[in-house]
Amino acid sequence: VLAWAAWQAQIADMKTPPERRDGLTPEQRFFVGFAQWDCND
């Protein structure tokens, strides 16, 4: 929850908004990046 708020503050100051990459929106990239910290078996 805090990381999301911090990221929103970070991109609010950007002159150019973040772009879609690898078929994912910036918001989706945030959550996939989060999920991949704990890929495990």
Full PDB file with SEQRES, HELIX, SHEET, SSBOND, CRYST1, ORIGX, SCALE, CONECT and MASTER records, all heavy atoms in Angstrom:
SEQRES   1 A   41  VAL LEU ALA TRP ALA ALA TRP GLN ALA GLN ILE ALA ASP          
SEQRES   2 A   41  MET LYS THR PRO PRO GLU ARG ARG ASP GLY LEU THR PRO          
SEQRES   3 A   41  GLU GLN ARG PHE PHE VAL GLY PHE ALA GLN TRP ASP CYS          
SEQRES   4 A   41  ASN ASP                                                      
HELIX    1 AA1 LEU A    2  ALA A   12  1                                  11    
HELIX    2 AA2 PRO A   26  ALA A   35  1                                  10    
HELIX    3 AA3 GLN A   36  ASP A   38  5                                   3    
CRYST1    1.000    1.000    1.000  90.00  90.00  90.00 P 1           1          
ORIGX1      1.000000  0.000000  0.000000        0.00000                         
ORIGX2      0.000000  1.000000  0.000000        0.00000                         
ORIGX3      0.000000  0.000000  1.000000        0.00000                         
SCALE1      1.000000  0.000000  0.000000        0.00000                         
SCALE2      0.000000  1.000000  0.000000        0.00000                         
SCALE3      0.000000  0.000000  1.000000        0.00000                         
ATOM      1  N   VAL A   1       0.843  -1.203   0.000  1.00  0.00           N  
ATOM      2  CA  VAL A   1       0.000   0.000   0.000  1.00  0.00           C  
ATOM      3  C   VAL A   1       0.878   1.253   0.000  1.00  0.00           C  
ATOM      4  O   VAL A   1       0.645   2.208  -0.749  1.00  0.00           O  
ATOM      5  CB  VAL A   1      -0.944  -0.009   1.220  1.00  0.00           C  
ATOM      6  CG1 VAL A   1      -1.609   1.344   1.407  1.00  0.00           C  
ATOM      7  CG2 VAL A   1      -2.004  -1.101   1.060  1.00  0.00           C  
ATOM      8  N   LEU A   2       1.919   1.252   0.821  1.00  0.00           N  
ATOM      9  CA  LEU A   2       2.829   2.403   0.890  1.00  0.00           C  
ATOM     10  C   LEU A   2       3.647   2.532  -0.395  1.00  0.00           C  
ATOM     11  O   LEU A   2       3.890   3.647  -0.881  1.00  0.00           O  
ATOM     12  CB  LEU A   2       3.760   2.261   2.089  1.00  0.00           C  
ATOM     13  CG  LEU A   2       3.116   2.296   3.477  1.00  0.00           C  
ATOM     14  CD1 LEU A   2       4.181   2.087   4.550  1.00  0.00           C  
ATOM     15  CD2 LEU A   2       2.375   3.600   3.711  1.00  0.00           C  
ATOM     16  N   ALA A   3       4.098   1.407  -0.948  1.00  0.00           N  
ATOM     17  CA  ALA A   3       4.883   1.448  -2.183  1.00  0.00           C  
ATOM     18  C   ALA A   3       4.056   2.022  -3.334  1.00  0.00           C  
ATOM     19  O   ALA A   3       4.573   2.787  -4.162  1.00  0.00           O  
ATOM     20  CB  ALA A   3       5.381   0.044  -2.529  1.00  0.00           C  
ATOM     21  N   TRP A   4       2.794   1.665  -3.382  1.00  0.00           N  
ATOM     22  CA  TRP A   4       1.905   2.211  -4.424  1.00  0.00           C  
ATOM     23  C   TRP A   4       1.795   3.728  -4.281  1.00  0.00           C  
ATOM     24  O   TRP A   4       1.920   4.463  -5.263  1.00  0.00           O  
ATOM     25  CB  TRP A   4       0.525   1.567  -4.341  1.00  0.00           C  
ATOM     26  CG  TRP A   4      -0.470   2.167  -5.296  1.00  0.00           C  
ATOM     27  CD1 TRP A   4      -1.286   3.239  -5.061  1.00  0.00           C  
ATOM     28  CD2 TRP A   4      -0.727   1.746  -6.634  1.00  0.00           C  
ATOM     29  NE1 TRP A   4      -2.042   3.511  -6.176  1.00  0.00           N  
ATOM     30  CE2 TRP A   4      -1.715   2.609  -7.151  1.00  0.00           C  
ATOM     31  CE3 TRP A   4      -0.224   0.730  -7.444  1.00  0.00           C  
ATOM     32  CZ2 TRP A   4      -2.220   2.482  -8.457  1.00  0.00           C  
ATOM     33  CZ3 TRP A   4      -0.716   0.603  -8.744  1.00  0.00           C  
ATOM     34  CH2 TRP A   4      -1.693   1.465  -9.238  1.00  0.00           C  
ATOM     35  N   ALA A   5       1.586   4.182  -3.064  1.00  0.00           N  
ATOM     36  CA  ALA A   5       1.468   5.628  -2.833  1.00  0.00           C  
ATOM     37  C   ALA A   5       2.764   6.342  -3.201  1.00  0.00           C  
ATOM     38  O   ALA A   5       2.745   7.440  -3.791  1.00  0.00           O  
ATOM     39  CB  ALA A   5       1.107   5.895  -1.376  1.00  0.00           C  
ATOM     40  N   ALA A   6       3.907   5.740  -2.873  1.00  0.00           N  
ATOM     41  CA  ALA A   6       5.200   6.351  -3.208  1.00  0.00           C  
ATOM     42  C   ALA A   6       5.404   6.394  -4.719  1.00  0.00           C  
ATOM     43  O   ALA A   6       5.926   7.385  -5.260  1.00  0.00           O  
ATOM     44  CB  ALA A   6       6.329   5.566  -2.543  1.00  0.00           C  
ATOM     45  N   TRP A   7       5.008   5.334  -5.407  1.00  0.00           N  
ATOM     46  CA  TRP A   7       5.140   5.311  -6.865  1.00  0.00           C  
ATOM     47  C   TRP A   7       4.246   6.379  -7.503  1.00  0.00           C  
ATOM     48  O   TRP A   7       4.666   7.058  -8.453  1.00  0.00           O  
ATOM     49  CB  TRP A   7       4.797   3.928  -7.396  1.00  0.00           C  
ATOM     50  CG  TRP A   7       4.864   3.825  -8.899  1.00  0.00           C  
ATOM     51  CD1 TRP A   7       5.949   4.108  -9.681  1.00  0.00           C  
ATOM     52  CD2 TRP A   7       3.814   3.432  -9.781  1.00  0.00           C  
ATOM     53  NE1 TRP A   7       5.639   3.905 -11.009  1.00  0.00           N  
ATOM     54  CE2 TRP A   7       4.335   3.495 -11.095  1.00  0.00           C  
ATOM     55  CE3 TRP A   7       2.498   3.030  -9.585  1.00  0.00           C  
ATOM     56  CZ2 TRP A   7       3.569   3.165 -12.215  1.00  0.00           C  
ATOM     57  CZ3 TRP A   7       1.739   2.696 -10.697  1.00  0.00           C  
ATOM     58  CH2 TRP A   7       2.267   2.769 -11.997  1.00  0.00           C  
ATOM     59  N   GLN A   8       3.045   6.537  -6.978  1.00  0.00           N  
ATOM     60  CA  GLN A   8       2.158   7.577  -7.493  1.00  0.00           C  
ATOM     61  C   GLN A   8       2.785   8.961  -7.323  1.00  0.00           C  
ATOM     62  O   GLN A   8       2.694   9.821  -8.206  1.00  0.00           O  
ATOM     63  CB  GLN A   8       0.803   7.511  -6.791  1.00  0.00           C  
ATOM     64  CG  GLN A   8      -0.005   6.259  -7.079  1.00  0.00           C  
ATOM     65  CD  GLN A   8      -0.365   6.131  -8.549  1.00  0.00           C  
ATOM     66  OE1 GLN A   8      -1.066   6.974  -9.107  1.00  0.00           O  
ATOM     67  NE2 GLN A   8       0.132   5.075  -9.196  1.00  0.00           N  
ATOM     68  N   ALA A   9       3.440   9.177  -6.191  1.00  0.00           N  
ATOM     69  CA  ALA A   9       4.123  10.455  -5.966  1.00  0.00           C  
ATOM     70  C   ALA A   9       5.286  10.619  -6.942  1.00  0.00           C  
ATOM     71  O   ALA A   9       5.542  11.726  -7.445  1.00  0.00           O  
ATOM     72  CB  ALA A   9       4.628  10.526  -4.529  1.00  0.00           C  
ATOM     73  N   GLN A  10       5.992   9.530  -7.233  1.00  0.00           N  
ATOM     74  CA  GLN A  10       7.122   9.576  -8.150  1.00  0.00           C  
ATOM     75  C   GLN A  10       6.680   9.949  -9.568  1.00  0.00           C  
ATOM     76  O   GLN A  10       7.277  10.824 -10.207  1.00  0.00           O  
ATOM     77  CB  GLN A  10       7.833   8.221  -8.153  1.00  0.00           C  
ATOM     78  CG  GLN A  10       8.905   8.036  -9.204  1.00  0.00           C  
ATOM     79  CD  GLN A  10      10.182   8.793  -8.914  1.00  0.00           C  
ATOM     80  OE1 GLN A  10      10.277   9.488  -7.899  1.00  0.00           O  
ATOM     81  NE2 GLN A  10      11.163   8.686  -9.798  1.00  0.00           N  
ATOM     82  N   ILE A  11       5.636   9.324 -10.071  1.00  0.00           N  
ATOM     83  CA  ILE A  11       5.230   9.572 -11.460  1.00  0.00           C  
ATOM     84  C   ILE A  11       4.457  10.879 -11.599  1.00  0.00           C  
ATOM     85  O   ILE A  11       4.348  11.422 -12.697  1.00  0.00           O  
ATOM     86  CB  ILE A  11       4.415   8.393 -12.029  1.00  0.00           C  
ATOM     87  CG1 ILE A  11       3.103   8.187 -11.253  1.00  0.00           C  
ATOM     88  CG2 ILE A  11       5.253   7.121 -12.022  1.00  0.00           C  
ATOM     89  CD1 ILE A  11       2.225   7.080 -11.835  1.00  0.00           C  
ATOM     90  N   ALA A  12       3.941  11.406 -10.474  1.00  0.00           N  
ATOM     91  CA  ALA A  12       3.217  12.676 -10.532  1.00  0.00           C  
ATOM     92  C   ALA A  12       4.128  13.817 -10.948  1.00  0.00           C  
ATOM     93  O   ALA A  12       3.674  14.809 -11.528  1.00  0.00           O  
ATOM     94  CB  ALA A  12       2.580  12.978  -9.183  1.00  0.00           C  
ATOM     95  N   ASP A  13       5.412  13.680 -10.663  1.00  0.00           N  
ATOM     96  CA  ASP A  13       6.380  14.733 -10.981  1.00  0.00           C  
ATOM     97  C   ASP A  13       7.024  14.547 -12.351  1.00  0.00           C  
ATOM     98  O   ASP A  13       7.862  15.359 -12.757  1.00  0.00           O  
ATOM     99  CB  ASP A  13       7.475  14.769  -9.908  1.00  0.00           C  
ATOM    100  CG  ASP A  13       6.941  15.168  -8.539  1.00  0.00           C  
ATOM    101  OD1 ASP A  13       5.920  15.869  -8.493  1.00  0.00           O  
ATOM    102  OD2 ASP A  13       7.546  14.750  -7.526  1.00  0.00           O  
ATOM    103  N   MET A  14       6.658  13.474 -13.053  1.00  0.00           N  
ATOM    104  CA  MET A  14       7.278  13.202 -14.346  1.00  0.00           C  
ATOM    105  C   MET A  14       6.602  14.008 -15.461  1.00  0.00           C  
ATOM    106  O   MET A  14       5.372  14.081 -15.520  1.00  0.00           O  
ATOM    107  CB  MET A  14       7.188  11.702 -14.664  1.00  0.00           C  
ATOM    108  CG  MET A  14       7.976  10.823 -13.699  1.00  0.00           C  
ATOM    109  SD  MET A  14       7.733   9.048 -13.978  1.00  0.00           S  
ATOM    110  CE  MET A  14       8.361   8.865 -15.648  1.00  0.00           C  
ATOM    111  N   LYS A  15       7.405  14.606 -16.320  1.00  0.00           N  
ATOM    112  CA  LYS A  15       6.849  15.374 -17.441  1.00  0.00           C  
ATOM    113  C   LYS A  15       6.200  14.455 -18.461  1.00  0.00           C  
ATOM    114  O   LYS A  15       5.187  14.796 -19.074  1.00  0.00           O  
ATOM    115  CB  LYS A  15       7.961  16.194 -18.100  1.00  0.00           C  
ATOM    116  CG  LYS A  15       8.534  17.288 -17.212  1.00  0.00           C  
ATOM    117  CD  LYS A  15       9.612  18.073 -17.939  1.00  0.00           C  
ATOM    118  CE  LYS A  15      10.169  19.173 -17.045  1.00  0.00           C  
ATOM    119  NZ  LYS A  15      11.255  19.948 -17.732  1.00  0.00           N  
ATOM    120  N   THR A  16       6.794  13.280 -18.637  1.00  0.00           N  
ATOM    121  CA  THR A  16       6.246  12.287 -19.568  1.00  0.00           C  
ATOM    122  C   THR A  16       5.716  11.107 -18.773  1.00  0.00           C  
ATOM    123  O   THR A  16       6.471  10.477 -18.023  1.00  0.00           O  
ATOM    124  CB  THR A  16       7.325  11.798 -20.544  1.00  0.00           C  
ATOM    125  OG1 THR A  16       7.878  12.915 -21.235  1.00  0.00           O  
ATOM    126  CG2 THR A  16       6.740  10.814 -21.539  1.00  0.00           C  
ATOM    127  N   PRO A  17       4.429  10.786 -18.889  1.00  0.00           N  
ATOM    128  CA  PRO A  17       3.884   9.676 -18.099  1.00  0.00           C  
ATOM    129  C   PRO A  17       4.509   8.348 -18.510  1.00  0.00           C  
ATOM    130  O   PRO A  17       4.957   8.184 -19.656  1.00  0.00           O  
ATOM    131  CB  PRO A  17       2.391   9.720 -18.432  1.00  0.00           C  
ATOM    132  CG  PRO A  17       2.302  10.425 -19.740  1.00  0.00           C  
ATOM    133  CD  PRO A  17       3.426  11.414 -19.752  1.00  0.00           C  
ATOM    134  N   PRO A  18       4.600   7.378 -17.585  1.00  0.00           N  
ATOM    135  CA  PRO A  18       5.175   6.066 -17.920  1.00  0.00           C  
ATOM    136  C   PRO A  18       4.381   5.375 -19.018  1.00  0.00           C  
ATOM    137  O   PRO A  18       3.165   5.548 -19.144  1.00  0.00           O  
ATOM    138  CB  PRO A  18       5.097   5.301 -16.600  1.00  0.00           C  
ATOM    139  CG  PRO A  18       4.062   6.004 -15.794  1.00  0.00           C  
ATOM    140  CD  PRO A  18       4.106   7.437 -16.195  1.00  0.00           C  
ATOM    141  N   GLU A  19       5.082   4.575 -19.802  1.00  0.00           N  
ATOM    142  CA  GLU A  19       4.479   3.950 -20.972  1.00  0.00           C  
ATOM    143  C   GLU A  19       4.209   2.465 -20.745  1.00  0.00           C  
ATOM    144  O   GLU A  19       4.768   1.840 -19.854  1.00  0.00           O  
ATOM    145  CB  GLU A  19       5.417   4.104 -22.180  1.00  0.00           C  
ATOM    146  CG  GLU A  19       5.702   5.548 -22.572  1.00  0.00           C  
ATOM    147  CD  GLU A  19       6.690   5.629 -23.718  1.00  0.00           C  
ATOM    148  OE1 GLU A  19       7.331   4.585 -24.020  1.00  0.00           O  
ATOM    149  OE2 GLU A  19       6.827   6.721 -24.303  1.00  0.00           O  
ATOM    150  N   ARG A  20       3.362   1.951 -21.598  1.00  0.00           N  
ATOM    151  CA  ARG A  20       3.092   0.522 -21.618  1.00  0.00           C  
ATOM    152  C   ARG A  20       4.328  -0.200 -22.166  1.00  0.00           C  
ATOM    153  O   ARG A  20       4.923   0.222 -23.154  1.00  0.00           O  
ATOM    154  CB  ARG A  20       1.882   0.255 -22.517  1.00  0.00           C  
ATOM    155  CG  ARG A  20       1.419  -1.196 -22.577  1.00  0.00           C  
ATOM    156  CD  ARG A  20       0.262  -1.324 -23.560  1.00  0.00           C  
ATOM    157  NE  ARG A  20      -0.276  -2.659 -23.566  1.00  0.00           N  
ATOM    158  CZ  ARG A  20      -1.310  -3.062 -22.859  1.00  0.00           C  
ATOM    159  NH1 ARG A  20      -1.936  -2.191 -22.074  1.00  0.00           N  
ATOM    160  NH2 ARG A  20      -1.737  -4.297 -22.930  1.00  0.00           N  
ATOM    161  N   ARG A  21       4.734  -1.299 -21.504  1.00  0.00           N  
ATOM    162  CA  ARG A  21       5.883  -2.086 -21.947  1.00  0.00           C  
ATOM    163  C   ARG A  21       5.568  -3.573 -21.837  1.00  0.00           C  
ATOM    164  O   ARG A  21       4.855  -3.992 -20.928  1.00  0.00           O  
ATOM    165  CB  ARG A  21       7.119  -1.797 -21.099  1.00  0.00           C  
ATOM    166  CG  ARG A  21       7.665  -0.384 -21.167  1.00  0.00           C  
ATOM    167  CD  ARG A  21       9.011  -0.336 -20.457  1.00  0.00           C  
ATOM    168  NE  ARG A  21       9.548   1.003 -20.358  1.00  0.00           N  
ATOM    169  CZ  ARG A  21      10.766   1.294 -19.918  1.00  0.00           C  
ATOM    170  NH1 ARG A  21      11.582   0.318 -19.533  1.00  0.00           N  
ATOM    171  NH2 ARG A  21      11.190   2.533 -19.854  1.00  0.00           N  
ATOM    172  N   ASP A  22       6.125  -4.340 -22.730  1.00  0.00           N  
ATOM    173  CA  ASP A  22       5.984  -5.810 -22.676  1.00  0.00           C  
ATOM    174  C   ASP A  22       4.526  -6.240 -22.579  1.00  0.00           C  
ATOM    175  O   ASP A  22       4.203  -7.261 -21.962  1.00  0.00           O  
ATOM    176  CB  ASP A  22       6.767  -6.378 -21.487  1.00  0.00           C  
ATOM    177  CG  ASP A  22       8.242  -6.038 -21.529  1.00  0.00           C  
ATOM    178  OD1 ASP A  22       8.834  -6.112 -22.616  1.00  0.00           O  
ATOM    179  OD2 ASP A  22       8.796  -5.680 -20.467  1.00  0.00           O  
ATOM    180  N   GLY A  23       3.635  -5.447 -23.186  1.00  0.00           N  
ATOM    181  CA  GLY A  23       2.219  -5.795 -23.152  1.00  0.00           C  
ATOM    182  C   GLY A  23       1.542  -5.525 -21.827  1.00  0.00           C  
ATOM    183  O   GLY A  23       0.433  -6.011 -21.588  1.00  0.00           O  
ATOM    184  N   LEU A  24       2.185  -4.745 -20.976  1.00  0.00           N  
ATOM    185  CA  LEU A  24       1.642  -4.450 -19.649  1.00  0.00           C  
ATOM    186  C   LEU A  24       1.580  -2.946 -19.442  1.00  0.00           C  
ATOM    187  O   LEU A  24       2.516  -2.216 -19.797  1.00  0.00           O  
ATOM    188  CB  LEU A  24       2.526  -5.065 -18.561  1.00  0.00           C  
ATOM    189  CG  LEU A  24       2.669  -6.594 -18.545  1.00  0.00           C  
ATOM    190  CD1 LEU A  24       3.791  -6.995 -17.585  1.00  0.00           C  
ATOM    191  CD2 LEU A  24       1.359  -7.259 -18.155  1.00  0.00           C  
ATOM    192  N   THR A  25       0.500  -2.479 -18.843  1.00  0.00           N  
ATOM    193  CA  THR A  25       0.407  -1.076 -18.472  1.00  0.00           C  
ATOM    194  C   THR A  25       1.365  -0.803 -17.309  1.00  0.00           C  
ATOM    195  O   THR A  25       1.811  -1.740 -16.631  1.00  0.00           O  
ATOM    196  CB  THR A  25      -1.011  -0.716 -18.037  1.00  0.00           C  
ATOM    197  OG1 THR A  25      -1.299  -1.382 -16.790  1.00  0.00           O  
ATOM    198  CG2 THR A  25      -2.045  -1.111 -19.086  1.00  0.00           C  
ATOM    199  N   PRO A  26       1.709   0.463 -17.042  1.00  0.00           N  
ATOM    200  CA  PRO A  26       2.565   0.746 -15.894  1.00  0.00           C  
ATOM    201  C   PRO A  26       2.000   0.197 -14.587  1.00  0.00           C  
ATOM    202  O   PRO A  26       2.754  -0.315 -13.744  1.00  0.00           O  
ATOM    203  CB  PRO A  26       2.626   2.277 -15.883  1.00  0.00           C  
ATOM    204  CG  PRO A  26       2.389   2.675 -17.299  1.00  0.00           C  
ATOM    205  CD  PRO A  26       1.415   1.677 -17.832  1.00  0.00           C  
ATOM    206  N   GLU A  27       0.678   0.290 -14.409  1.00  0.00           N  
ATOM    207  CA  GLU A  27       0.066  -0.219 -13.184  1.00  0.00           C  
ATOM    208  C   GLU A  27       0.211  -1.735 -13.080  1.00  0.00           C  
ATOM    209  O   GLU A  27       0.486  -2.281 -12.000  1.00  0.00           O  
ATOM    210  CB  GLU A  27      -1.413   0.170 -13.142  1.00  0.00           C  
ATOM    211  CG  GLU A  27      -1.672   1.660 -12.978  1.00  0.00           C  
ATOM    212  CD  GLU A  27      -1.469   2.456 -14.263  1.00  0.00           C  
ATOM    213  OE1 GLU A  27      -1.361   1.820 -15.352  1.00  0.00           O  
ATOM    214  OE2 GLU A  27      -1.414   3.703 -14.195  1.00  0.00           O  
ATOM    215  N   GLN A  28       0.035  -2.412 -14.207  1.00  0.00           N  
ATOM    216  CA  GLN A  28       0.216  -3.864 -14.205  1.00  0.00           C  
ATOM    217  C   GLN A  28       1.677  -4.234 -13.948  1.00  0.00           C  
ATOM    218  O   GLN A  28       1.969  -5.209 -13.245  1.00  0.00           O  
ATOM    219  CB  GLN A  28      -0.254  -4.439 -15.545  1.00  0.00           C  
ATOM    220  CG  GLN A  28      -1.761  -4.350 -15.740  1.00  0.00           C  
ATOM    221  CD  GLN A  28      -2.191  -4.700 -17.154  1.00  0.00           C  
ATOM    222  OE1 GLN A  28      -1.382  -4.676 -18.094  1.00  0.00           O  
ATOM    223  NE2 GLN A  28      -3.474  -4.995 -17.333  1.00  0.00           N  
ATOM    224  N   ARG A  29       2.595  -3.435 -14.476  1.00  0.00           N  
ATOM    225  CA  ARG A  29       4.019  -3.687 -14.248  1.00  0.00           C  
ATOM    226  C   ARG A  29       4.373  -3.529 -12.771  1.00  0.00           C  
ATOM    227  O   ARG A  29       5.229  -4.242 -12.241  1.00  0.00           O  
ATOM    228  CB  ARG A  29       4.875  -2.744 -15.110  1.00  0.00           C  
ATOM    229  CG  ARG A  29       4.812  -3.079 -16.588  1.00  0.00           C  
ATOM    230  CD  ARG A  29       5.599  -2.081 -17.425  1.00  0.00           C  
ATOM    231  NE  ARG A  29       7.027  -2.149 -17.188  1.00  0.00           N  
ATOM    232  CZ  ARG A  29       7.846  -3.071 -17.675  1.00  0.00           C  
ATOM    233  NH1 ARG A  29       7.373  -4.042 -18.442  1.00  0.00           N  
ATOM    234  NH2 ARG A  29       9.140  -3.040 -17.416  1.00  0.00           N  
ATOM    235  N   PHE A  30       3.732  -2.591 -12.107  1.00  0.00           N  
ATOM    236  CA  PHE A  30       3.937  -2.432 -10.669  1.00  0.00           C  
ATOM    237  C   PHE A  30       3.587  -3.723  -9.938  1.00  0.00           C  
ATOM    238  O   PHE A  30       4.370  -4.218  -9.118  1.00  0.00           O  
ATOM    239  CB  PHE A  30       3.087  -1.275 -10.141  1.00  0.00           C  
ATOM    240  CG  PHE A  30       3.112  -1.116  -8.652  1.00  0.00           C  
ATOM    241  CD1 PHE A  30       4.042  -0.291  -8.037  1.00  0.00           C  
ATOM    242  CD2 PHE A  30       2.204  -1.794  -7.840  1.00  0.00           C  
ATOM    243  CE1 PHE A  30       4.070  -0.141  -6.652  1.00  0.00           C  
ATOM    244  CE2 PHE A  30       2.222  -1.653  -6.459  1.00  0.00           C  
ATOM    245  CZ  PHE A  30       3.160  -0.824  -5.868  1.00  0.00           C  
ATOM    246  N   PHE A  31       2.430  -4.285 -10.255  1.00  0.00           N  
ATOM    247  CA  PHE A  31       1.979  -5.473  -9.523  1.00  0.00           C  
ATOM    248  C   PHE A  31       2.736  -6.738  -9.942  1.00  0.00           C  
ATOM    249  O   PHE A  31       2.997  -7.609  -9.098  1.00  0.00           O  
ATOM    250  CB  PHE A  31       0.474  -5.655  -9.687  1.00  0.00           C  
ATOM    251  CG  PHE A  31      -0.334  -4.689  -8.871  1.00  0.00           C  
ATOM    252  CD1 PHE A  31      -0.990  -3.628  -9.483  1.00  0.00           C  
ATOM    253  CD2 PHE A  31      -0.403  -4.811  -7.495  1.00  0.00           C  
ATOM    254  CE1 PHE A  31      -1.723  -2.715  -8.724  1.00  0.00           C  
ATOM    255  CE2 PHE A  31      -1.129  -3.904  -6.726  1.00  0.00           C  
ATOM    256  CZ  PHE A  31      -1.786  -2.846  -7.344  1.00  0.00           C  
ATOM    257  N   VAL A  32       3.100  -6.858 -11.208  1.00  0.00           N  
ATOM    258  CA  VAL A  32       3.900  -8.012 -11.620  1.00  0.00           C  
ATOM    259  C   VAL A  32       5.301  -7.918 -11.012  1.00  0.00           C  
ATOM    260  O   VAL A  32       5.866  -8.916 -10.546  1.00  0.00           O  
ATOM    261  CB  VAL A  32       3.970  -8.116 -13.159  1.00  0.00           C  
ATOM    262  CG1 VAL A  32       4.968  -9.203 -13.579  1.00  0.00           C  
ATOM    263  CG2 VAL A  32       2.591  -8.420 -13.727  1.00  0.00           C  
ATOM    264  N   GLY A  33       5.867  -6.706 -10.983  1.00  0.00           N  
ATOM    265  CA  GLY A  33       7.158  -6.525 -10.319  1.00  0.00           C  
ATOM    266  C   GLY A  33       7.094  -6.919  -8.863  1.00  0.00           C  
ATOM    267  O   GLY A  33       8.012  -7.574  -8.338  1.00  0.00           O  
ATOM    268  N   PHE A  34       5.999  -6.550  -8.200  1.00  0.00           N  
ATOM    269  CA  PHE A  34       5.803  -6.970  -6.807  1.00  0.00           C  
ATOM    270  C   PHE A  34       5.754  -8.484  -6.705  1.00  0.00           C  
ATOM    271  O   PHE A  34       6.451  -9.093  -5.873  1.00  0.00           O  
ATOM    272  CB  PHE A  34       4.515  -6.354  -6.257  1.00  0.00           C  
ATOM    273  CG  PHE A  34       3.961  -7.056  -5.052  1.00  0.00           C  
ATOM    274  CD1 PHE A  34       4.641  -7.028  -3.843  1.00  0.00           C  
ATOM    275  CD2 PHE A  34       2.769  -7.761  -5.126  1.00  0.00           C  
ATOM    276  CE1 PHE A  34       4.138  -7.689  -2.724  1.00  0.00           C  
ATOM    277  CE2 PHE A  34       2.255  -8.418  -4.015  1.00  0.00           C  
ATOM    278  CZ  PHE A  34       2.937  -8.379  -2.816  1.00  0.00           C  
ATOM    279  N   ALA A  35       4.942  -9.120  -7.541  1.00  0.00           N  
ATOM    280  CA  ALA A  35       4.749 -10.568  -7.435  1.00  0.00           C  
ATOM    281  C   ALA A  35       6.042 -11.327  -7.671  1.00  0.00           C  
ATOM    282  O   ALA A  35       6.304 -12.356  -7.033  1.00  0.00           O  
ATOM    283  CB  ALA A  35       3.674 -11.022  -8.427  1.00  0.00           C  
ATOM    284  N   GLN A  36       6.884 -10.818  -8.566  1.00  0.00           N  
ATOM    285  CA  GLN A  36       8.075 -11.584  -8.931  1.00  0.00           C  
ATOM    286  C   GLN A  36       9.181 -11.535  -7.884  1.00  0.00           C  
ATOM    287  O   GLN A  36      10.162 -12.264  -8.005  1.00  0.00           O  
ATOM    288  CB  GLN A  36       8.601 -11.112 -10.290  1.00  0.00           C  
ATOM    289  CG  GLN A  36       7.732 -11.581 -11.443  1.00  0.00           C  
ATOM    290  CD  GLN A  36       8.374 -11.362 -12.798  1.00  0.00           C  
ATOM    291  OE1 GLN A  36       9.335 -10.607 -12.951  1.00  0.00           O  
ATOM    292  NE2 GLN A  36       7.832 -12.019 -13.812  1.00  0.00           N  
ATOM    293  N   TRP A  37       9.026 -10.730  -6.832  1.00  0.00           N  
ATOM    294  CA  TRP A  37      10.058 -10.772  -5.791  1.00  0.00           C  
ATOM    295  C   TRP A  37      10.050 -12.119  -5.065  1.00  0.00           C  
ATOM    296  O   TRP A  37      11.072 -12.543  -4.526  1.00  0.00           O  
ATOM    297  CB  TRP A  37       9.877  -9.633  -4.778  1.00  0.00           C  
ATOM    298  CG  TRP A  37       8.915  -9.903  -3.663  1.00  0.00           C  
ATOM    299  CD1 TRP A  37       7.609  -9.524  -3.590  1.00  0.00           C  
ATOM    300  CD2 TRP A  37       9.184 -10.590  -2.430  1.00  0.00           C  
ATOM    301  NE1 TRP A  37       7.030  -9.946  -2.406  1.00  0.00           N  
ATOM    302  CE2 TRP A  37       7.982 -10.596  -1.675  1.00  0.00           C  
ATOM    303  CE3 TRP A  37      10.312 -11.191  -1.890  1.00  0.00           C  
ATOM    304  CZ2 TRP A  37       7.885 -11.196  -0.414  1.00  0.00           C  
ATOM    305  CZ3 TRP A  37      10.211 -11.792  -0.635  1.00  0.00           C  
ATOM    306  CH2 TRP A  37       9.012 -11.783   0.084  1.00  0.00           C  
ATOM    307  N   ASP A  38       8.880 -12.801  -5.091  1.00  0.00           N  
ATOM    308  CA  ASP A  38       8.798 -14.040  -4.316  1.00  0.00           C  
ATOM    309  C   ASP A  38       8.406 -15.240  -5.153  1.00  0.00           C  
ATOM    310  O   ASP A  38       7.752 -16.157  -4.666  1.00  0.00           O  
ATOM    311  CB  ASP A  38       7.822 -13.867  -3.152  1.00  0.00           C  
ATOM    312  CG  ASP A  38       8.100 -14.865  -2.020  1.00  0.00           C  
ATOM    313  OD1 ASP A  38       9.224 -15.403  -1.977  1.00  0.00           O  
ATOM    314  OD2 ASP A  38       7.210 -15.101  -1.192  1.00  0.00           O  
ATOM    315  N   CYS A  39       8.800 -15.270  -6.430  1.00  0.00           N  
ATOM    316  CA  CYS A  39       8.674 -16.514  -7.177  1.00  0.00           C  
ATOM    317  C   CYS A  39       9.498 -17.572  -6.434  1.00  0.00           C  
ATOM    318  O   CYS A  39      10.660 -17.344  -6.116  1.00  0.00           O  
ATOM    319  CB  CYS A  39       9.218 -16.343  -8.589  1.00  0.00           C  
ATOM    320  SG  CYS A  39       8.348 -15.124  -9.609  1.00  0.00           S  
ATOM    321  N   ASN A  40       8.894 -18.732  -6.176  1.00  0.00           N  
ATOM    322  CA  ASN A  40       9.603 -19.700  -5.338  1.00  0.00           C  
ATOM    323  C   ASN A  40       9.008 -21.088  -5.482  1.00  0.00           C  
ATOM    324  O   ASN A  40       7.926 -21.275  -6.053  1.00  0.00           O  
ATOM    325  CB  ASN A  40       9.549 -19.260  -3.871  1.00  0.00           C  
ATOM    326  CG  ASN A  40       8.209 -19.549  -3.224  1.00  0.00           C  
ATOM    327  OD1 ASN A  40       8.027 -20.577  -2.579  1.00  0.00           O  
ATOM    328  ND2 ASN A  40       7.231 -18.650  -3.413  1.00  0.00           N  
ATOM    329  N   ASP A  41       9.719 -22.040  -4.941  1.00  0.00           N  
ATOM    330  CA  ASP A  41       9.251 -23.424  -4.873  1.00  0.00           C  
ATOM    331  C   ASP A  41       9.910 -24.061  -3.658  1.00  0.00           C  
ATOM    332  O   ASP A  41      10.961 -23.606  -3.204  1.00  0.00           O  
ATOM    333  CB  ASP A  41       9.627 -24.180  -6.145  1.00  0.00           C  
ATOM    334  CG  ASP A  41       8.737 -25.389  -6.397  1.00  0.00           C  
ATOM    335  OD1 ASP A  41       7.864 -25.667  -5.546  1.00  0.00           O  
ATOM    336  OD2 ASP A  41       8.919 -26.054  -7.438  1.00  0.00           O  
TER     337      ASP A  41                                                      
MASTER        0    0    0    3    0    0    0    6  336    1    0    4          
END                                                                             
